[in-house]
PDB file of all heavy atoms in Angstrom:
ATOM      1  N   PRO A   1      78.692  96.612  95.431  1.00  0.00           N
ATOM      2  CA  PRO A   1      78.382  97.710  94.593  1.00  0.00           C
ATOM      3  C   PRO A   1      78.069  99.062  95.287  1.00  0.00           C
ATOM      4  O   PRO A   1      78.033 100.137  94.607  1.00  0.00           O
ATOM      5  CB  PRO A   1      77.105  97.177  93.904  1.00  0.00           C
ATOM      6  CG  PRO A   1      76.474  96.175  94.899  1.00  0.00           C
ATOM      7  CD  PRO A   1      77.666  95.566  95.533  1.00  0.00           C
ATOM      8  N   ALA A   2      77.946  99.055  96.630  1.00  0.00           N
ATOM      9  CA  ALA A   2      77.608 100.297  97.253  1.00  0.00           C
ATOM     10  C   ALA A   2      78.758 101.202  97.472  1.00  0.00           C
ATOM     11  O   ALA A   2      78.558 102.351  98.012  1.00  0.00           O
ATOM     12  CB  ALA A   2      76.939  99.928  98.622  1.00  0.00           C
ATOM     13  N   LEU A   3      80.003 100.777  97.198  1.00  0.00           N
ATOM     14  CA  LEU A   3      81.204 101.547  97.433  1.00  0.00           C
ATOM     15  C   LEU A   3      81.897 101.864  96.125  1.00  0.00           C
ATOM     16  O   LEU A   3      81.865 100.994  95.206  1.00  0.00           O
ATOM     17  CB  LEU A   3      82.211 100.873  98.400  1.00  0.00           C
ATOM     18  CG  LEU A   3      81.635 100.788  99.909  1.00  0.00           C
ATOM     19  CD1 LEU A   3      82.647  99.929 100.666  1.00  0.00           C
ATOM     20  CD2 LEU A   3      81.556 102.177 100.473  1.00  0.00           C
ATOM     21  N   PRO A   4      82.646 102.937  96.077  1.00  0.00           N
ATOM     22  CA  PRO A   4      83.420 103.228  94.862  1.00  0.00           C
ATOM     23  C   PRO A   4      84.634 102.319  94.640  1.00  0.00           C
ATOM     24  O   PRO A   4      85.180 101.791  95.688  1.00  0.00           O
ATOM     25  CB  PRO A   4      83.831 104.741  94.979  1.00  0.00           C
ATOM     26  CG  PRO A   4      83.931 104.859  96.508  1.00  0.00           C
ATOM     27  CD  PRO A   4      82.767 103.983  97.100  1.00  0.00           C
ATOM     28  N   THR A   5      85.028 102.138  93.397  1.00  0.00           N
ATOM     29  CA  THR A   5      86.256 101.394  93.151  1.00  0.00           C
ATOM     30  C   THR A   5      87.282 102.349  92.471  1.00  0.00           C
ATOM     31  O   THR A   5      86.918 103.377  92.031  1.00  0.00           O
ATOM     32  CB  THR A   5      85.973 100.212  92.160  1.00  0.00           C
ATOM     33  OG1 THR A   5      85.400 100.748  90.865  1.00  0.00           O
ATOM     34  CG2 THR A   5      84.978  99.231  92.726  1.00  0.00           C
ATOM     35  N   GLY A   6      88.538 101.959  92.520  1.00  0.00           N
ATOM     36  CA  GLY A   6      89.532 102.790  91.836  1.00  0.00           C
ATOM     37  C   GLY A   6      89.860 104.123  92.542  1.00  0.00           C
ATOM     38  O   GLY A   6      90.414 105.037  91.893  1.00  0.00           O
ATOM     39  N   VAL A   7      89.565 104.261  93.777  1.00  0.00           N
ATOM     40  CA  VAL A   7      89.871 105.446  94.548  1.00  0.00           C
ATOM     41  C   VAL A   7      90.666 105.046  95.819  1.00  0.00           C
ATOM     42  O   VAL A   7      90.662 103.924  96.210  1.00  0.00           O
ATOM     43  CB  VAL A   7      88.635 106.258  94.983  1.00  0.00           C
ATOM     44  CG1 VAL A   7      87.871 106.677  93.785  1.00  0.00           C
ATOM     45  CG2 VAL A   7      87.723 105.397  95.914  1.00  0.00           C
ATOM     46  N   THR A   8      91.281 106.023  96.394  1.00  0.00           N
ATOM     47  CA  THR A   8      92.074 105.730  97.662  1.00  0.00           C
ATOM     48  C   THR A   8      91.169 106.331  98.773  1.00  0.00           C
ATOM     49  O   THR A   8      90.586 107.388  98.674  1.00  0.00           O
ATOM     50  CB  THR A   8      93.479 106.298  97.646  1.00  0.00           C
ATOM     51  OG1 THR A   8      94.044 105.978  98.883  1.00  0.00           O
ATOM     52  CG2 THR A   8      93.441 107.776  97.420  1.00  0.00           C
ATOM     53  N   GLY A   9      91.195 105.705  99.943  1.00  0.00           N
ATOM     54  CA  GLY A   9      90.603 106.156 101.154  1.00  0.00           C
ATOM     55  C   GLY A   9      91.491 107.012 102.013  1.00  0.00           C
ATOM     56  O   GLY A   9      91.102 107.545 103.070  1.00  0.00           O
ATOM     57  N   GLY A  10      92.743 107.119 101.523  1.00  0.00           N
ATOM     58  CA  GLY A  10      93.739 107.847 102.314  1.00  0.00           C
ATOM     59  C   GLY A  10      94.101 107.050 103.539  1.00  0.00           C
ATOM     60  O   GLY A  10      93.700 105.913 103.737  1.00  0.00           O
ATOM     61  N   PRO A  11      95.033 107.668 104.403  1.00  0.00           N
ATOM     62  CA  PRO A  11      95.469 106.914 105.497  1.00  0.00           C
ATOM     63  C   PRO A  11      94.438 106.587 106.600  1.00  0.00           C
ATOM     64  O   PRO A  11      94.534 105.673 107.375  1.00  0.00           O
ATOM     65  CB  PRO A  11      96.463 107.880 106.144  1.00  0.00           C
ATOM     66  CG  PRO A  11      96.139 109.182 105.667  1.00  0.00           C
ATOM     67  CD  PRO A  11      95.507 109.017 104.286  1.00  0.00           C
ATOM     68  N   ALA A  12      93.226 107.259 106.568  1.00  0.00           N
ATOM     69  CA  ALA A  12      92.127 106.955 107.500  1.00  0.00           C
ATOM     70  C   ALA A  12      91.044 106.192 106.854  1.00  0.00           C
ATOM     71  O   ALA A  12      90.054 105.927 107.520  1.00  0.00           O
ATOM     72  CB  ALA A  12      91.718 108.286 108.092  1.00  0.00           C
ATOM     73  N   GLY A  13      91.147 105.888 105.512  1.00  0.00           N
ATOM     74  CA  GLY A  13      90.035 105.235 104.857  1.00  0.00           C
ATOM     75  C   GLY A  13      90.041 103.705 105.209  1.00  0.00           C
ATOM     76  O   GLY A  13      90.894 103.213 105.949  1.00  0.00           O
ATOM     77  N   TRP A  14      89.102 102.984 104.645  1.00  0.00           N
ATOM     78  CA  TRP A  14      88.924 101.607 104.870  1.00  0.00           C
ATOM     79  C   TRP A  14      88.519 100.882 103.594  1.00  0.00           C
ATOM     80  O   TRP A  14      87.968 101.511 102.676  1.00  0.00           O
ATOM     81  CB  TRP A  14      87.981 101.331 106.019  1.00  0.00           C
ATOM     82  CG  TRP A  14      86.668 102.087 105.890  1.00  0.00           C
ATOM     83  CD1 TRP A  14      86.416 103.363 106.281  1.00  0.00           C
ATOM     84  CD2 TRP A  14      85.455 101.602 105.254  1.00  0.00           C
ATOM     85  NE1 TRP A  14      85.117 103.727 105.978  1.00  0.00           N
ATOM     86  CE2 TRP A  14      84.482 102.600 105.314  1.00  0.00           C
ATOM     87  CE3 TRP A  14      85.089 100.431 104.687  1.00  0.00           C
ATOM     88  CZ2 TRP A  14      83.214 102.499 104.839  1.00  0.00           C
ATOM     89  CZ3 TRP A  14      83.735 100.271 104.183  1.00  0.00           C
ATOM     90  CH2 TRP A  14      82.844 101.339 104.296  1.00  0.00           C
ATOM     91  N   ASN A  15      88.780  99.550 103.524  1.00  0.00           N
ATOM     92  CA  ASN A  15      88.458  98.709 102.362  1.00  0.00           C
ATOM     93  C   ASN A  15      87.510  97.634 102.819  1.00  0.00           C
ATOM     94  O   ASN A  15      87.582  97.171 103.972  1.00  0.00           O
ATOM     95  CB  ASN A  15      89.705  98.057 101.834  1.00  0.00           C
ATOM     96  CG  ASN A  15      90.731  99.082 101.356  1.00  0.00           C
ATOM     97  OD1 ASN A  15      90.417 100.162 100.868  1.00  0.00           O
ATOM     98  ND2 ASN A  15      91.995  98.761 101.494  1.00  0.00           N
ATOM     99  N   VAL A  16      86.696  97.128 101.887  1.00  0.00           N
ATOM    100  CA  VAL A  16      85.827  96.045 102.165  1.00  0.00           C
ATOM    101  C   VAL A  16      85.759  95.101 100.962  1.00  0.00           C
ATOM    102  O   VAL A  16      85.816  95.599  99.822  1.00  0.00           O
ATOM    103  CB  VAL A  16      84.395  96.481 102.598  1.00  0.00           C
ATOM    104  CG1 VAL A  16      83.733  97.214 101.422  1.00  0.00           C
ATOM    105  CG2 VAL A  16      83.637  95.316 103.116  1.00  0.00           C
ATOM    106  N   CYS A  17      85.684  93.837 101.148  1.00  0.00           N
ATOM    107  CA  CYS A  17      85.635  92.846 100.069  1.00  0.00           C
ATOM    108  C   CYS A  17      84.991  91.600 100.546  1.00  0.00           C
ATOM    109  O   CYS A  17      85.279  91.206 101.680  1.00  0.00           O
ATOM    110  CB  CYS A  17      87.124  92.609  99.539  1.00  0.00           C
ATOM    111  SG  CYS A  17      87.185  91.795  97.935  1.00  0.00           S
ATOM    112  N   MET A  18      84.247  90.928  99.675  1.00  0.00           N
ATOM    113  CA  MET A  18      83.653  89.572 100.026  1.00  0.00           C
ATOM    114  C   MET A  18      84.785  88.569  99.973  1.00  0.00           C
ATOM    115  O   MET A  18      85.701  88.684  99.140  1.00  0.00           O
ATOM    116  CB  MET A  18      82.554  89.202  99.056  1.00  0.00           C
ATOM    117  CG  MET A  18      81.408  90.238  99.012  1.00  0.00           C
ATOM    118  SD  MET A  18      80.476  90.315 100.517  1.00  0.00           S
ATOM    119  CE  MET A  18      79.494  88.841 100.445  1.00  0.00           C
ATOM    120  N   ILE A  19      84.735  87.535 100.785  1.00  0.00           N
ATOM    121  CA  ILE A  19      85.688  86.427 100.702  1.00  0.00           C
ATOM    122  C   ILE A  19      84.926  85.144 100.558  1.00  0.00           C
ATOM    123  O   ILE A  19      83.793  85.018 101.030  1.00  0.00           O
ATOM    124  CB  ILE A  19      86.632  86.370 101.910  1.00  0.00           C
ATOM    125  CG1 ILE A  19      85.876  86.210 103.203  1.00  0.00           C
ATOM    126  CG2 ILE A  19      87.468  87.614 101.975  1.00  0.00           C
ATOM    127  CD1 ILE A  19      86.735  85.938 104.433  1.00  0.00           C
ATOM    128  N   PRO A  20      85.540  84.092  99.990  1.00  0.00           N
ATOM    129  CA  PRO A  20      84.818  82.848  99.825  1.00  0.00           C
ATOM    130  C   PRO A  20      84.475  82.207 101.174  1.00  0.00           C
ATOM    131  O   PRO A  20      85.267  82.332 102.132  1.00  0.00           O
ATOM    132  CB  PRO A  20      85.832  81.925  99.083  1.00  0.00           C
ATOM    133  CG  PRO A  20      86.719  82.900  98.325  1.00  0.00           C
ATOM    134  CD  PRO A  20      86.786  84.145  99.313  1.00  0.00           C
ATOM    135  N   VAL A  21      83.346  81.543 101.227  1.00  0.00           N
ATOM    136  CA  VAL A  21      82.909  80.934 102.471  1.00  0.00           C
ATOM    137  C   VAL A  21      83.903  79.920 103.093  1.00  0.00           C
ATOM    138  O   VAL A  21      84.047  79.919 104.289  1.00  0.00           O
ATOM    139  CB  VAL A  21      81.452  80.253 102.325  1.00  0.00           C
ATOM    140  CG1 VAL A  21      81.565  79.062 101.391  1.00  0.00           C
ATOM    141  CG2 VAL A  21      80.836  79.939 103.573  1.00  0.00           C
ATOM    142  N   GLY A  22      84.554  79.206 102.272  1.00  0.00           N
ATOM    143  CA  GLY A  22      85.573  78.283 102.753  1.00  0.00           C
ATOM    144  C   GLY A  22      86.703  78.972 103.505  1.00  0.00           C
ATOM    145  O   GLY A  22      87.180  78.465 104.575  1.00  0.00           O
ATOM    146  N   GLN A  23      87.183  80.072 102.874  1.00  0.00           N
ATOM    147  CA  GLN A  23      88.291  80.792 103.570  1.00  0.00           C
ATOM    148  C   GLN A  23      87.764  81.449 104.792  1.00  0.00           C
ATOM    149  O   GLN A  23      88.570  81.493 105.817  1.00  0.00           O
ATOM    150  CB  GLN A  23      88.772  81.878 102.554  1.00  0.00           C
ATOM    151  CG  GLN A  23      89.575  81.332 101.405  1.00  0.00           C
ATOM    152  CD  GLN A  23      90.124  82.451 100.493  1.00  0.00           C
ATOM    153  OE1 GLN A  23      90.026  83.631 100.746  1.00  0.00           O
ATOM    154  NE2 GLN A  23      90.771  81.985  99.498  1.00  0.00           N
ATOM    155  N   ASN A  24      86.582  81.938 104.843  1.00  0.00           N
ATOM    156  CA  ASN A  24      86.023  82.486 106.095  1.00  0.00           C
ATOM    157  C   ASN A  24      85.865  81.483 107.154  1.00  0.00           C
ATOM    158  O   ASN A  24      86.213  81.739 108.278  1.00  0.00           O
ATOM    159  CB  ASN A  24      84.653  83.194 105.781  1.00  0.00           C
ATOM    160  CG  ASN A  24      84.180  84.018 106.922  1.00  0.00           C
ATOM    161  OD1 ASN A  24      84.915  84.765 107.466  1.00  0.00           O
ATOM    162  ND2 ASN A  24      82.928  83.777 107.283  1.00  0.00           N
ATOM    163  N   SER A  25      85.430  80.270 106.852  1.00  0.00           N
ATOM    164  CA  SER A  25      85.266  79.203 107.804  1.00  0.00           C
ATOM    165  C   SER A  25      86.652  78.785 108.339  1.00  0.00           C
ATOM    166  O   SER A  25      86.770  78.515 109.533  1.00  0.00           O
ATOM    167  CB  SER A  25      84.526  78.015 107.185  1.00  0.00           C
ATOM    168  OG  SER A  25      83.184  78.383 106.916  1.00  0.00           O
ATOM    169  N   SER A  26      87.653  78.684 107.447  1.00  0.00           N
ATOM    170  CA  SER A  26      88.997  78.299 107.814  1.00  0.00           C
ATOM    171  C   SER A  26      89.594  79.352 108.804  1.00  0.00           C
ATOM    172  O   SER A  26      90.202  78.948 109.791  1.00  0.00           O
ATOM    173  CB  SER A  26      89.866  78.137 106.650  1.00  0.00           C
ATOM    174  OG  SER A  26      89.464  77.091 105.853  1.00  0.00           O
ATOM    175  N   GLY A  27      89.415  80.605 108.440  1.00  0.00           N
ATOM    176  CA  GLY A  27      89.905  81.664 109.370  1.00  0.00           C
ATOM    177  C   GLY A  27      89.282  81.694 110.701  1.00  0.00           C
ATOM    178  O   GLY A  27      89.897  81.816 111.692  1.00  0.00           O
ATOM    179  N   GLY A  28      87.996  81.415 110.731  1.00  0.00           N
ATOM    180  CA  GLY A  28      87.244  81.353 112.019  1.00  0.00           C
ATOM    181  C   GLY A  28      87.754  80.162 112.821  1.00  0.00           C
ATOM    182  O   GLY A  28      87.904  80.234 114.064  1.00  0.00           O
ATOM    183  N   ALA A  29      87.974  79.007 112.196  1.00  0.00           N
ATOM    184  CA  ALA A  29      88.489  77.867 112.919  1.00  0.00           C
ATOM    185  C   ALA A  29      89.892  78.132 113.488  1.00  0.00           C
ATOM    186  O   ALA A  29      90.175  77.767 114.621  1.00  0.00           O
ATOM    187  CB  ALA A  29      88.539  76.620 111.984  1.00  0.00           C
ATOM    188  N   LEU A  30      90.783  78.771 112.672  1.00  0.00           N
ATOM    189  CA  LEU A  30      92.102  79.148 113.136  1.00  0.00           C
ATOM    190  C   LEU A  30      92.021  80.041 114.316  1.00  0.00           C
ATOM    191  O   LEU A  30      92.770  79.950 115.383  1.00  0.00           O
ATOM    192  CB  LEU A  30      92.920  79.686 112.049  1.00  0.00           C
ATOM    193  CG  LEU A  30      93.389  78.742 110.992  1.00  0.00           C
ATOM    194  CD1 LEU A  30      93.995  79.491 109.794  1.00  0.00           C
ATOM    195  CD2 LEU A  30      94.364  77.720 111.510  1.00  0.00           C
ATOM    196  N   LEU A  31      91.200  81.072 114.323  1.00  0.00           N
ATOM    197  CA  LEU A  31      90.987  82.026 115.379  1.00  0.00           C
ATOM    198  C   LEU A  31      90.510  81.301 116.621  1.00  0.00           C
ATOM    199  O   LEU A  31      91.025  81.575 117.711  1.00  0.00           O
ATOM    200  CB  LEU A  31      90.058  83.160 114.896  1.00  0.00           C
ATOM    201  CG  LEU A  31      89.909  84.269 115.974  1.00  0.00           C
ATOM    202  CD1 LEU A  31      91.260  84.973 116.279  1.00  0.00           C
ATOM    203  CD2 LEU A  31      88.937  85.314 115.323  1.00  0.00           C
ATOM    204  N   ASN A  32      89.526  80.415 116.450  1.00  0.00           N
ATOM    205  CA  ASN A  32      88.947  79.666 117.592  1.00  0.00           C
ATOM    206  C   ASN A  32      90.036  78.851 118.207  1.00  0.00           C
ATOM    207  O   ASN A  32      90.148  78.794 119.476  1.00  0.00           O
ATOM    208  CB  ASN A  32      87.821  78.834 117.163  1.00  0.00           C
ATOM    209  CG  ASN A  32      87.196  78.146 118.305  1.00  0.00           C
ATOM    210  OD1 ASN A  32      86.748  78.823 119.287  1.00  0.00           O
ATOM    211  ND2 ASN A  32      86.982  76.840 118.275  1.00  0.00           N
ATOM    212  N   SER A  33      90.888  78.214 117.370  1.00  0.00           N
ATOM    213  CA  SER A  33      91.998  77.411 117.931  1.00  0.00           C
ATOM    214  C   SER A  33      92.999  78.270 118.739  1.00  0.00           C
ATOM    215  O   SER A  33      93.409  77.893 119.793  1.00  0.00           O
ATOM    216  CB  SER A  33      92.716  76.705 116.745  1.00  0.00           C
ATOM    217  OG  SER A  33      93.861  76.028 117.207  1.00  0.00           O
ATOM    218  N   PHE A  34      93.252  79.430 118.226  1.00  0.00           N
ATOM    219  CA  PHE A  34      94.137  80.378 118.967  1.00  0.00           C
ATOM    220  C   PHE A  34      93.540  80.713 120.315  1.00  0.00           C
ATOM    221  O   PHE A  34      94.177  80.655 121.316  1.00  0.00           O
ATOM    222  CB  PHE A  34      94.418  81.607 118.144  1.00  0.00           C
ATOM    223  CG  PHE A  34      94.898  82.759 118.916  1.00  0.00           C
ATOM    224  CD1 PHE A  34      96.288  82.785 119.332  1.00  0.00           C
ATOM    225  CD2 PHE A  34      94.057  83.832 119.426  1.00  0.00           C
ATOM    226  CE1 PHE A  34      96.769  83.866 120.107  1.00  0.00           C
ATOM    227  CE2 PHE A  34      94.620  84.874 120.160  1.00  0.00           C
ATOM    228  CZ  PHE A  34      95.918  84.873 120.506  1.00  0.00           C
ATOM    229  N   TYR A  35      92.286  81.045 120.397  1.00  0.00           N
ATOM    230  CA  TYR A  35      91.572  81.408 121.632  1.00  0.00           C
ATOM    231  C   TYR A  35      91.636  80.204 122.641  1.00  0.00           C
ATOM    232  O   TYR A  35      91.884  80.439 123.781  1.00  0.00           O
ATOM    233  CB  TYR A  35      90.105  81.752 121.394  1.00  0.00           C
ATOM    234  CG  TYR A  35      89.865  83.088 120.692  1.00  0.00           C
ATOM    235  CD1 TYR A  35      88.732  83.290 119.939  1.00  0.00           C
ATOM    236  CD2 TYR A  35      90.819  84.114 120.719  1.00  0.00           C
ATOM    237  CE1 TYR A  35      88.479  84.536 119.318  1.00  0.00           C
ATOM    238  CE2 TYR A  35      90.548  85.290 120.119  1.00  0.00           C
ATOM    239  CZ  TYR A  35      89.445  85.532 119.458  1.00  0.00           C
ATOM    240  OH  TYR A  35      89.256  86.727 118.823  1.00  0.00           O
ATOM    241  N   GLN A  36      91.421  78.985 122.100  1.00  0.00           N
ATOM    242  CA  GLN A  36      91.379  77.850 123.003  1.00  0.00           C
ATOM    243  C   GLN A  36      92.799  77.608 123.550  1.00  0.00           C
ATOM    244  O   GLN A  36      92.970  77.379 124.744  1.00  0.00           O
ATOM    245  CB  GLN A  36      90.853  76.657 122.301  1.00  0.00           C
ATOM    246  CG  GLN A  36      89.349  76.688 122.048  1.00  0.00           C
ATOM    247  CD  GLN A  36      88.840  75.473 121.397  1.00  0.00           C
ATOM    248  OE1 GLN A  36      89.566  74.616 120.837  1.00  0.00           O
ATOM    249  NE2 GLN A  36      87.516  75.360 121.344  1.00  0.00           N
ATOM    250  N   LYS A  37      93.811  77.536 122.630  1.00  0.00           N
ATOM    251  CA  LYS A  37      95.168  77.301 123.109  1.00  0.00           C
ATOM    252  C   LYS A  37      95.741  78.351 124.025  1.00  0.00           C
ATOM    253  O   LYS A  37      96.527  78.089 124.846  1.00  0.00           O
ATOM    254  CB  LYS A  37      96.099  77.152 121.865  1.00  0.00           C
ATOM    255  CG  LYS A  37      95.880  75.866 121.060  1.00  0.00           C
ATOM    256  CD  LYS A  37      96.773  75.864 119.859  1.00  0.00           C
ATOM    257  CE  LYS A  37      96.472  74.560 118.997  1.00  0.00           C
ATOM    258  NZ  LYS A  37      97.283  74.493 117.897  1.00  0.00           N
TER     259      LYS A  37
END
């Protein structure tokens, strides 16, 4: 809620969004696997 919706940040702007905990955990596990391999 702290950021506006429906606007563009332009080429230098940034986006933020919450993701489900399961997807975050899976992504972290894949990244860790990459680091190890």
